[in-house]
N, C-alpha and C. Protein backbone atom coordinates (compact mmCIF):
# COMPACT_ATOMS: atom_id res chain seq x y z
N MET A 1 12.94 16.38 19.28
CA MET A 1 12.29 15.99 20.13
C MET A 1 11.80 14.33 20.37
N THR A 2 11.41 13.99 21.14
CA THR A 2 11.37 12.27 21.34
C THR A 2 10.49 11.62 20.22
N ILE A 3 10.36 10.55 20.27
CA ILE A 3 9.86 9.75 19.04
C ILE A 3 8.38 9.81 19.84
N GLY A 4 7.95 10.05 21.05
CA GLY A 4 6.52 10.19 20.91
C GLY A 4 6.00 11.65 20.71
N LYS A 5 6.59 12.51 21.12
CA LYS A 5 6.32 14.07 20.58
C LYS A 5 6.31 13.95 18.77
N LEU A 6 7.31 13.57 18.41
CA LEU A 6 6.88 13.36 17.06
C LEU A 6 5.99 12.66 16.35
N ALA A 7 5.51 11.34 16.61
CA ALA A 7 4.53 10.53 16.03
C ALA A 7 3.13 11.80 16.59
N LYS A 8 3.11 12.09 17.86
CA LYS A 8 1.82 13.18 18.07
C LYS A 8 1.83 14.34 16.84
N ARG A 9 2.95 14.61 16.79
CA ARG A 9 3.02 15.91 15.93
C ARG A 9 2.98 15.63 14.21
N ALA A 10 3.10 14.29 14.13
CA ALA A 10 3.05 13.61 12.48
C ALA A 10 1.67 13.43 12.55
N GLY A 11 0.88 12.65 13.61
CA GLY A 11 -0.15 12.08 13.85
C GLY A 11 0.12 10.58 13.03
N VAL A 12 1.04 9.97 13.00
CA VAL A 12 1.06 8.65 13.38
C VAL A 12 1.50 7.70 14.55
N SER A 13 1.70 6.46 14.16
CA SER A 13 1.86 5.98 15.81
C SER A 13 3.58 5.73 15.79
N MET A 14 4.17 5.51 17.65
CA MET A 14 5.53 4.99 17.42
C MET A 14 6.54 3.94 16.84
N ASP A 15 5.08 3.17 16.63
CA ASP A 15 5.57 1.57 15.88
C ASP A 15 5.62 1.88 14.38
N ALA A 16 4.89 3.13 13.83
CA ALA A 16 4.97 3.38 12.61
C ALA A 16 6.56 3.73 12.08
N ILE A 17 6.82 4.71 13.31
CA ILE A 17 7.81 5.75 13.18
C ILE A 17 9.18 4.34 13.13
N ARG A 18 9.18 3.37 14.10
CA ARG A 18 10.26 2.51 14.03
C ARG A 18 10.46 1.84 12.68
N HIS A 19 9.20 1.35 12.19
CA HIS A 19 8.64 0.57 10.95
C HIS A 19 9.69 1.48 9.96
N TYR A 20 9.50 2.68 10.01
CA TYR A 20 9.59 3.56 8.68
C TYR A 20 11.50 3.66 8.96
N GLU A 21 11.86 3.51 10.52
CA GLU A 21 13.37 3.24 10.51
C GLU A 21 14.03 2.32 10.25
N ASP A 22 13.10 1.18 10.48
CA ASP A 22 13.96 -0.54 10.01
C ASP A 22 13.84 -0.23 8.14
N GLN A 23 13.03 0.58 7.90
CA GLN A 23 12.64 0.37 6.75
C GLN A 23 13.69 1.37 5.96
N GLY A 24 14.16 2.26 6.47
CA GLY A 24 15.49 3.00 5.88
C GLY A 24 14.73 4.19 5.44
N VAL A 25 13.34 4.77 5.97
CA VAL A 25 13.37 5.65 5.11
C VAL A 25 13.22 6.93 6.30
N LEU A 26 13.23 6.91 7.22
CA LEU A 26 13.26 7.67 8.59
C LEU A 26 14.84 7.67 9.42
N LEU A 27 15.37 8.33 10.15
CA LEU A 27 16.41 7.77 10.74
C LEU A 27 16.26 9.42 11.68
N PRO A 28 16.71 8.69 13.09
CA PRO A 28 16.42 9.68 13.99
C PRO A 28 17.74 10.89 14.07
N ALA A 29 17.82 11.95 14.32
CA ALA A 29 18.79 12.97 14.41
C ALA A 29 19.89 12.38 15.01
N GLU A 30 19.40 12.07 16.12
CA GLU A 30 20.41 11.60 17.29
C GLU A 30 20.10 10.68 17.98
N LYS A 31 21.01 10.04 19.03
CA LYS A 31 20.35 9.35 19.95
C LYS A 31 21.43 10.22 21.32
N THR A 32 20.21 9.76 22.32
CA THR A 32 21.19 10.08 24.27
C THR A 32 21.95 9.25 24.21
N GLU A 33 22.69 9.36 25.48
CA GLU A 33 23.30 8.65 25.74
C GLU A 33 22.53 7.68 26.57
N ALA A 34 21.30 7.52 26.62
CA ALA A 34 20.51 6.77 27.46
C ALA A 34 19.59 5.66 26.36
N GLY A 35 20.52 5.83 24.95
CA GLY A 35 19.85 5.62 23.56
C GLY A 35 17.97 5.81 23.50
N TYR A 36 17.80 7.34 23.70
CA TYR A 36 16.45 7.55 23.22
C TYR A 36 16.64 8.32 21.91
N ARG A 37 15.92 8.30 21.00
CA ARG A 37 16.04 8.59 20.04
C ARG A 37 15.53 9.94 19.68
N LEU A 38 16.32 11.00 19.21
CA LEU A 38 15.80 12.04 18.98
C LEU A 38 15.36 12.81 17.82
N TYR A 39 14.72 13.71 17.55
CA TYR A 39 14.27 13.87 15.85
C TYR A 39 14.27 15.47 16.52
N GLY A 40 14.38 16.38 14.86
CA GLY A 40 14.00 17.25 14.08
C GLY A 40 13.44 17.47 13.50
N ALA A 41 13.18 18.67 13.42
CA ALA A 41 12.01 19.37 12.52
C ALA A 41 12.22 18.80 10.94
N SER A 42 13.27 18.41 10.66
CA SER A 42 13.61 17.43 9.28
C SER A 42 12.77 16.16 9.37
N SER A 43 12.89 15.74 10.47
CA SER A 43 11.95 14.33 10.92
C SER A 43 10.78 14.34 10.67
N LEU A 44 9.92 15.53 10.69
CA LEU A 44 8.58 15.89 11.00
C LEU A 44 8.40 16.16 9.44
N ARG A 45 9.33 16.91 8.64
CA ARG A 45 9.05 16.84 7.29
C ARG A 45 9.32 16.27 6.26
N ARG A 46 9.86 14.73 6.68
CA ARG A 46 10.35 13.73 6.09
C ARG A 46 8.87 12.87 6.26
N LEU A 47 8.44 13.00 7.67
CA LEU A 47 7.25 11.92 7.30
C LEU A 47 5.84 12.78 7.15
N ASP A 48 5.45 13.92 6.87
CA ASP A 48 4.51 14.46 5.87
C ASP A 48 5.00 13.74 4.75
N PHE A 49 6.52 13.93 3.93
CA PHE A 49 6.52 13.38 2.52
C PHE A 49 6.43 12.22 2.61
N ILE A 50 6.29 11.06 3.25
CA ILE A 50 6.14 9.67 3.28
C ILE A 50 4.76 10.03 3.71
N LYS A 51 3.62 10.01 4.66
CA LYS A 51 2.49 10.00 4.37
C LYS A 51 1.78 10.55 3.09
N HIS A 52 2.14 11.79 2.85
CA HIS A 52 1.76 12.16 1.50
C HIS A 52 2.08 10.83 0.11
N ALA A 53 3.12 10.74 -0.01
CA ALA A 53 3.41 9.73 -1.21
C ALA A 53 3.03 8.60 -0.87
N GLN A 54 2.33 8.02 0.48
CA GLN A 54 1.18 6.70 0.61
C GLN A 54 0.33 7.08 0.47
N SER A 55 -0.14 8.15 0.33
CA SER A 55 -1.51 8.69 0.00
C SER A 55 -1.62 8.49 -1.21
N CYS A 56 -0.40 8.74 -2.42
CA CYS A 56 -0.64 8.69 -3.82
C CYS A 56 -0.13 7.01 -4.16
N GLY A 57 -0.56 6.19 -3.04
CA GLY A 57 -0.33 4.86 -3.62
C GLY A 57 0.99 4.04 -3.52
N MET A 58 1.63 4.80 -2.93
CA MET A 58 3.65 4.65 -3.14
C MET A 58 3.68 3.60 -2.00
N THR A 59 4.49 2.44 -2.06
CA THR A 59 5.07 1.77 -1.20
C THR A 59 5.77 2.11 -0.38
N LEU A 60 6.72 1.88 0.40
CA LEU A 60 7.71 1.99 1.13
C LEU A 60 9.11 2.07 0.59
N ALA A 61 8.98 0.89 -0.14
CA ALA A 61 10.19 0.91 -1.19
C ALA A 61 10.13 1.86 -2.09
N GLU A 62 9.12 2.19 -2.95
CA GLU A 62 9.45 3.41 -4.04
C GLU A 62 9.53 4.49 -3.12
N ILE A 63 8.86 5.05 -2.23
CA ILE A 63 8.76 6.26 -0.97
C ILE A 63 10.80 6.26 -0.86
N ARG A 64 11.38 4.96 -0.52
CA ARG A 64 12.84 5.13 -0.47
C ARG A 64 13.43 5.47 -1.88
N GLN A 65 13.13 5.14 -2.89
CA GLN A 65 13.37 5.22 -4.17
C GLN A 65 13.73 7.06 -4.26
N LEU A 66 12.47 7.36 -4.09
CA LEU A 66 12.19 8.96 -4.02
C LEU A 66 12.81 9.35 -3.65
N LEU A 67 13.10 9.23 -2.49
CA LEU A 67 14.43 10.07 -1.36
C LEU A 67 15.56 9.86 -1.88
N ASP A 68 16.05 8.49 -2.85
CA ASP A 68 17.37 8.01 -2.68
C ASP A 68 17.65 9.10 -3.92
N LEU A 69 16.49 8.91 -4.87
CA LEU A 69 16.71 10.39 -5.70
C LEU A 69 16.98 11.17 -5.36
N LYS A 70 16.07 11.72 -4.42
CA LYS A 70 16.44 13.51 -3.75
C LYS A 70 17.64 13.34 -3.64
N ALA A 71 18.13 12.36 -2.95
CA ALA A 71 19.76 12.80 -2.43
C ALA A 71 21.03 12.74 -3.15
N ASP A 72 20.47 12.28 -4.55
CA ASP A 72 21.28 11.80 -5.29
C ASP A 72 21.52 13.50 -6.35
N ASP A 73 22.62 13.68 -6.66
CA ASP A 73 22.59 14.93 -7.36
C ASP A 73 22.69 14.91 -8.81
N ARG A 74 22.94 13.30 -9.22
CA ARG A 74 22.52 13.27 -10.34
C ARG A 74 21.38 13.01 -11.04
N SER A 75 20.39 13.08 -10.39
CA SER A 75 18.96 12.93 -10.32
C SER A 75 18.59 13.97 -10.70
N CYS A 76 17.43 14.08 -12.16
CA CYS A 76 16.80 15.07 -11.85
C CYS A 76 15.12 14.41 -11.69
N CYS A 77 14.20 15.44 -12.14
CA CYS A 77 13.05 15.78 -12.27
C CYS A 77 12.55 14.28 -12.85
N SER A 78 13.00 14.22 -14.16
CA SER A 78 12.36 13.38 -15.06
C SER A 78 12.62 11.87 -14.35
N ASP A 79 13.67 11.75 -13.63
CA ASP A 79 13.79 10.37 -12.97
C ASP A 79 12.25 10.11 -11.52
N VAL A 80 12.13 11.30 -11.00
CA VAL A 80 11.04 11.30 -10.16
C VAL A 80 9.68 11.03 -11.21
N ARG A 81 9.56 11.71 -12.34
CA ARG A 81 8.29 11.56 -13.10
C ARG A 81 8.30 10.20 -13.40
N GLY A 82 9.01 9.81 -14.01
CA GLY A 82 9.11 8.14 -14.28
C GLY A 82 8.66 6.98 -13.25
N LEU A 83 8.96 7.29 -12.14
CA LEU A 83 8.66 6.68 -11.07
C LEU A 83 7.13 6.65 -11.22
N ALA A 84 6.42 7.89 -10.67
CA ALA A 84 4.99 8.49 -10.76
C ALA A 84 4.37 7.88 -11.87
N ILE A 85 4.89 7.98 -12.89
CA ILE A 85 4.07 7.35 -14.45
C ILE A 85 4.19 6.24 -13.79
N ARG A 86 5.20 5.23 -13.50
CA ARG A 86 5.30 4.00 -13.70
C ARG A 86 3.85 3.73 -12.25
N LYS A 87 3.85 4.10 -11.49
CA LYS A 87 2.92 3.94 -10.19
C LYS A 87 1.52 4.34 -10.90
N LYS A 88 1.26 5.20 -11.47
CA LYS A 88 0.03 5.22 -12.00
C LYS A 88 -0.66 4.36 -13.14
N LEU A 89 0.52 3.57 -13.78
CA LEU A 89 0.28 2.86 -14.70
C LEU A 89 -0.24 1.45 -13.62
N GLN A 90 0.61 1.17 -12.63
CA GLN A 90 0.12 0.08 -12.17
C GLN A 90 -0.89 0.30 -11.58
N LEU A 91 -1.24 1.42 -10.71
CA LEU A 91 -2.85 1.64 -9.84
C LEU A 91 -3.99 1.15 -11.03
N GLU A 92 -3.68 1.85 -12.06
CA GLU A 92 -4.77 1.63 -13.39
C GLU A 92 -5.22 0.19 -13.42
N GLN A 93 -3.88 -0.46 -13.59
CA GLN A 93 -4.03 -2.13 -13.81
C GLN A 93 -4.85 -2.46 -12.74
N LYS A 94 -4.55 -2.07 -11.26
CA LYS A 94 -5.15 -3.01 -10.37
C LYS A 94 -6.69 -2.23 -10.36
N ILE A 95 -6.92 -1.20 -10.63
CA ILE A 95 -8.28 -0.54 -10.60
C ILE A 95 -9.20 -1.11 -11.77
N LYS A 96 -8.42 -1.70 -13.06
CA LYS A 96 -8.98 -3.03 -14.28
C LYS A 96 -9.42 -4.22 -13.17
N THR A 97 -8.35 -4.32 -12.72
CA THR A 97 -8.67 -6.02 -12.16
C THR A 97 -9.36 -6.35 -11.08
N MET A 98 -9.83 -4.85 -10.10
CA MET A 98 -10.83 -4.63 -9.36
C MET A 98 -12.02 -4.58 -10.01
N THR A 99 -12.13 -3.70 -11.50
CA THR A 99 -13.84 -3.50 -11.61
C THR A 99 -13.95 -4.86 -12.15
N ALA A 100 -13.09 -5.47 -12.58
CA ALA A 100 -13.51 -7.01 -13.10
C ALA A 100 -13.77 -7.69 -12.06
N MET A 101 -13.27 -7.62 -11.07
CA MET A 101 -13.93 -8.68 -9.51
C MET A 101 -15.30 -8.21 -9.33
N SER A 102 -15.11 -6.80 -9.39
CA SER A 102 -16.50 -6.67 -8.75
C SER A 102 -17.57 -6.84 -9.65
N ARG A 103 -17.43 -6.65 -11.20
CA ARG A 103 -18.51 -7.25 -12.11
C ARG A 103 -18.80 -8.88 -11.52
N ALA A 104 -17.56 -9.25 -11.54
CA ALA A 104 -17.87 -11.16 -10.99
C ALA A 104 -18.62 -11.26 -10.22
N LEU A 105 -18.45 -10.50 -9.07
CA LEU A 105 -19.04 -10.86 -7.78
C LEU A 105 -20.35 -10.25 -8.10
N SER A 106 -20.90 -9.14 -8.64
CA SER A 106 -22.18 -8.57 -9.64
C SER A 106 -23.17 -9.91 -9.73
N ASP A 107 -22.28 -10.23 -10.55
CA ASP A 107 -22.61 -11.15 -11.68
C ASP A 107 -23.52 -12.56 -10.74
N LEU A 108 -22.80 -12.57 -10.06
CA LEU A 108 -22.69 -14.09 -8.74
C LEU A 108 -24.11 -13.34 -7.79
N ILE A 109 -23.80 -12.46 -7.50
CA ILE A 109 -25.42 -11.76 -6.81
C ILE A 109 -26.50 -12.02 -7.46
N GLU A 110 -26.37 -11.72 -8.38
CA GLU A 110 -27.71 -11.18 -9.42
C GLU A 110 -28.08 -12.84 -9.39
N ILE A 111 -27.36 -14.25 -9.47
CA ILE A 111 -28.07 -15.56 -9.53
C ILE A 111 -28.48 -16.13 -8.60
N CYS A 112 -28.35 -15.28 -7.25
CA CYS A 112 -28.80 -15.71 -5.96
C CYS A 112 -30.12 -14.93 -5.60
N THR A 113 -31.18 -15.58 -6.09
CA THR A 113 -32.39 -14.51 -5.41
C THR A 113 -32.79 -15.13 -4.09
N ALA A 114 -32.79 -16.30 -4.11
CA ALA A 114 -33.57 -17.09 -2.68
C ALA A 114 -32.46 -17.36 -1.18
N GLU A 115 -32.81 -16.17 -0.62
CA GLU A 115 -31.76 -16.14 0.29
C GLU A 115 -32.36 -17.29 1.53
N ASN A 116 -33.59 -18.29 1.68
CA ASN A 116 -33.45 -19.10 2.52
C ASN A 116 -32.97 -20.75 1.70
N ARG A 117 -33.08 -20.60 0.81
CA ARG A 117 -32.19 -22.13 -0.24
C ARG A 117 -30.94 -22.84 0.86
N PRO A 118 -31.20 -23.94 0.74
CA PRO A 118 -29.97 -24.60 1.98
C PRO A 118 -28.45 -24.53 0.98
N LEU A 119 -27.65 -24.42 1.57
CA LEU A 119 -25.94 -24.38 1.07
C LEU A 119 -25.56 -25.30 -0.09
N ASP A 120 -26.55 -26.37 0.21
CA ASP A 120 -26.11 -27.44 -1.38
C ASP A 120 -27.13 -26.75 -2.75
N ASP A 121 -28.10 -25.97 -2.41
CA ASP A 121 -28.48 -24.98 -3.40
C ASP A 121 -27.94 -23.91 -3.93
N CYS A 122 -26.89 -23.59 -3.17
CA CYS A 122 -26.62 -22.12 -3.22
C CYS A 122 -26.03 -22.06 -4.79
N PRO A 123 -26.33 -21.03 -5.72
CA PRO A 123 -26.22 -20.69 -7.11
C PRO A 123 -24.94 -20.28 -6.81
N ILE A 124 -24.42 -19.49 -5.81
CA ILE A 124 -22.91 -19.01 -6.14
C ILE A 124 -21.72 -19.82 -5.63
N LEU A 125 -21.97 -20.61 -4.73
CA LEU A 125 -21.43 -21.54 -4.24
C LEU A 125 -21.27 -22.52 -5.34
N ALA A 126 -22.50 -22.71 -6.10
CA ALA A 126 -22.46 -23.68 -7.37
C ALA A 126 -21.58 -23.08 -9.01
N ALA A 127 -21.50 -22.01 -8.63
CA ALA A 127 -21.06 -21.09 -9.87
C ALA A 127 -19.73 -20.87 -9.68
N LEU A 128 -19.19 -20.84 -8.65
CA LEU A 128 -18.00 -21.05 -7.88
C LEU A 128 -16.82 -22.50 -8.21
N GLU A 129 -17.99 -23.46 -7.87
CA GLU A 129 -17.09 -24.65 -7.62
C GLU A 129 -17.12 -25.03 -9.21
N SER A 130 -18.18 -24.89 -10.21
CA SER A 130 -18.03 -25.26 -11.97
C SER A 130 -16.85 -24.42 -11.98
N SER A 131 -16.94 -23.23 -11.69
CA SER A 131 -15.71 -22.30 -12.07
C SER A 131 -14.19 -23.35 -12.25
N LEU A 132 -14.24 -23.85 -10.84
CA LEU A 132 -12.95 -24.61 -10.26
C LEU A 132 -13.03 -25.52 -11.45
N THR A 133 -13.75 -26.69 -11.63
CA THR A 133 -14.09 -27.59 -11.81
C THR A 133 -13.42 -27.14 -13.81
N ASN A 134 -13.61 -25.84 -14.16
CA ASN A 134 -14.11 -25.90 -15.38
C ASN A 134 -12.03 -25.77 -15.65
N GLN A 135 -12.03 -24.97 -14.85
CA GLN A 135 -10.06 -24.70 -14.88
C GLN A 135 -9.52 -25.87 -14.85
N GLN A 136 -9.55 -26.48 -13.71
CA GLN A 136 -9.17 -27.70 -13.81
C GLN A 136 -9.26 -28.68 -14.82
N ASN A 137 -10.28 -28.61 -15.74
CA ASN A 137 -10.31 -29.54 -16.91
C ASN A 137 -9.20 -29.08 -17.72
N ASP A 138 -9.12 -27.78 -17.91
CA ASP A 138 -8.70 -26.85 -18.89
C ASP A 138 -7.31 -27.23 -18.81
N ARG A 139 -6.57 -27.32 -17.27
CA ARG A 139 -4.90 -27.84 -17.33
C ARG A 139 -4.81 -29.18 -17.48
N ARG A 140 -5.96 -29.81 -17.80
CA ARG A 140 -5.18 -31.39 -18.21
C ARG A 140 -5.10 -31.42 -19.47
């Protein structure tokens, strides 16, 4: 099938397929004499694998690692499990960081009660500026 048909069946753009090829996670089955890429059913399965891995938070580099492990006869399930565990820990750390950011924004929003104040009196801007000043003083 052509790149357009593959894109439609997989629910991705042709640009995404080209990007996946550039990143080494998808290869065309063959090329015609005119240079058109042709794909088989294995490409559609590979795209489904990529999309599912991405929905689990995997980057293309991590997906490439998974595919390399899958292709290596010396690899075993524990290799894949280790990669999944590392990814889960990274995601949990990001969640903690984002939760802290959300709390900080909530605190800033709470201190700003008068929406019609001029910007010079905006408590959010003042709090952000005082935090910046405190950080600069701490570095000295």
